[in-house]
Amino acid sequence: MLGFIIGIFIGGIIGVFAMCLCRAAAEADKCMDFTDSEE
């Protein structure tokens, strides 16, 4: 049971971390739009 709780806790942290990374990447993508248009 303890392993299950720890697994959910770690999974939740990783999920939030991934969501923050995706959100930061999306924000950076908007700001760096002009660099993409050069290619």
N, C-alpha and C. Protein backbone atom coordinates (compact mmCIF):
# COMPACT_ATOMS: atom_id res chain seq x y z
N MET A 1 0.84 -1.20 0.00
CA MET A 1 0.00 0.00 0.00
C MET A 1 0.88 1.25 0.00
N LEU A 2 1.96 1.22 0.78
CA LEU A 2 2.85 2.38 0.85
C LEU A 2 3.48 2.66 -0.51
N GLY A 3 3.89 1.58 -1.20
CA GLY A 3 4.48 1.75 -2.53
C GLY A 3 3.50 2.39 -3.50
N PHE A 4 2.23 2.03 -3.37
CA PHE A 4 1.19 2.60 -4.24
C PHE A 4 1.06 4.10 -4.01
N ILE A 5 1.06 4.50 -2.74
CA ILE A 5 0.94 5.92 -2.40
C ILE A 5 2.17 6.69 -2.90
N ILE A 6 3.35 6.11 -2.69
CA ILE A 6 4.59 6.76 -3.15
C ILE A 6 4.58 6.88 -4.68
N GLY A 7 4.10 5.84 -5.35
CA GLY A 7 4.02 5.87 -6.81
C GLY A 7 3.11 6.98 -7.32
N ILE A 8 1.96 7.13 -6.68
CA ILE A 8 1.03 8.19 -7.08
C ILE A 8 1.66 9.56 -6.82
N PHE A 9 2.33 9.71 -5.69
CA PHE A 9 2.96 10.98 -5.32
C PHE A 9 4.03 11.36 -6.33
N ILE A 10 4.93 10.41 -6.65
CA ILE A 10 6.00 10.67 -7.61
C ILE A 10 5.42 10.92 -9.00
N GLY A 11 4.43 10.14 -9.38
CA GLY A 11 3.78 10.32 -10.67
C GLY A 11 3.15 11.70 -10.80
N GLY A 12 2.54 12.16 -9.73
CA GLY A 12 1.91 13.49 -9.75
C GLY A 12 2.95 14.58 -9.90
N ILE A 13 4.07 14.44 -9.20
CA ILE A 13 5.15 15.44 -9.30
C ILE A 13 5.70 15.48 -10.73
N ILE A 14 5.94 14.30 -11.30
CA ILE A 14 6.47 14.24 -12.67
C ILE A 14 5.45 14.83 -13.65
N GLY A 15 4.17 14.56 -13.43
CA GLY A 15 3.13 15.09 -14.30
C GLY A 15 3.08 16.61 -14.26
N VAL A 16 3.17 17.18 -13.06
CA VAL A 16 3.16 18.64 -12.92
C VAL A 16 4.41 19.23 -13.57
N PHE A 17 5.56 18.59 -13.36
CA PHE A 17 6.82 19.06 -13.94
C PHE A 17 6.73 19.06 -15.46
N ALA A 18 6.18 17.97 -16.04
CA ALA A 18 6.04 17.88 -17.49
C ALA A 18 5.09 18.96 -18.01
N MET A 19 4.01 19.21 -17.28
CA MET A 19 3.04 20.22 -17.69
C MET A 19 3.69 21.60 -17.69
N CYS A 20 4.51 21.88 -16.67
CA CYS A 20 5.22 23.17 -16.60
C CYS A 20 6.20 23.30 -17.75
N LEU A 21 6.89 22.21 -18.09
CA LEU A 21 7.83 22.25 -19.21
C LEU A 21 7.10 22.54 -20.51
N CYS A 22 5.97 21.87 -20.72
CA CYS A 22 5.19 22.08 -21.95
C CYS A 22 4.68 23.52 -22.02
N ARG A 23 4.23 24.04 -20.91
CA ARG A 23 3.71 25.41 -20.88
C ARG A 23 4.84 26.41 -21.15
N ALA A 24 6.01 26.17 -20.56
CA ALA A 24 7.16 27.06 -20.77
C ALA A 24 7.61 26.99 -22.23
N ALA A 25 7.60 25.79 -22.81
CA ALA A 25 7.99 25.63 -24.21
C ALA A 25 7.01 26.37 -25.12
N ALA A 26 5.73 26.30 -24.81
CA ALA A 26 4.72 26.99 -25.61
C ALA A 26 4.91 28.50 -25.53
N GLU A 27 5.20 29.01 -24.33
CA GLU A 27 5.44 30.45 -24.15
C GLU A 27 6.68 30.88 -24.92
N ALA A 28 7.75 30.09 -24.83
CA ALA A 28 8.99 30.41 -25.53
C ALA A 28 8.77 30.37 -27.04
N ASP A 29 7.92 29.44 -27.47
CA ASP A 29 7.64 29.30 -28.90
C ASP A 29 6.98 30.57 -29.44
N LYS A 30 6.08 31.15 -28.67
CA LYS A 30 5.42 32.39 -29.09
C LYS A 30 6.45 33.52 -29.21
N CYS A 31 7.33 33.60 -28.24
CA CYS A 31 8.33 34.67 -28.21
C CYS A 31 9.36 34.51 -29.32
N MET A 32 9.68 33.27 -29.66
CA MET A 32 10.73 33.00 -30.64
C MET A 32 10.15 32.73 -32.03
N ASP A 33 8.94 33.19 -32.26
CA ASP A 33 8.28 32.93 -33.54
C ASP A 33 9.07 33.50 -34.70
N PHE A 34 9.68 34.66 -34.51
CA PHE A 34 10.39 35.32 -35.60
C PHE A 34 11.63 34.53 -36.02
N THR A 35 12.23 33.75 -35.13
CA THR A 35 13.40 32.96 -35.50
C THR A 35 12.99 31.78 -36.37
N ASP A 36 11.80 31.26 -36.15
CA ASP A 36 11.33 30.12 -36.94
C ASP A 36 11.03 30.54 -38.38
N SER A 37 10.58 31.77 -38.57
CA SER A 37 10.18 32.22 -39.90
C SER A 37 11.38 32.38 -40.83
N GLU A 38 12.57 32.49 -40.27
CA GLU A 38 13.79 32.67 -41.08
C GLU A 38 14.16 31.39 -41.80
N GLU A 39 13.86 30.26 -41.20
CA GLU A 39 14.26 28.97 -41.78
C GLU A 39 13.42 28.60 -42.99
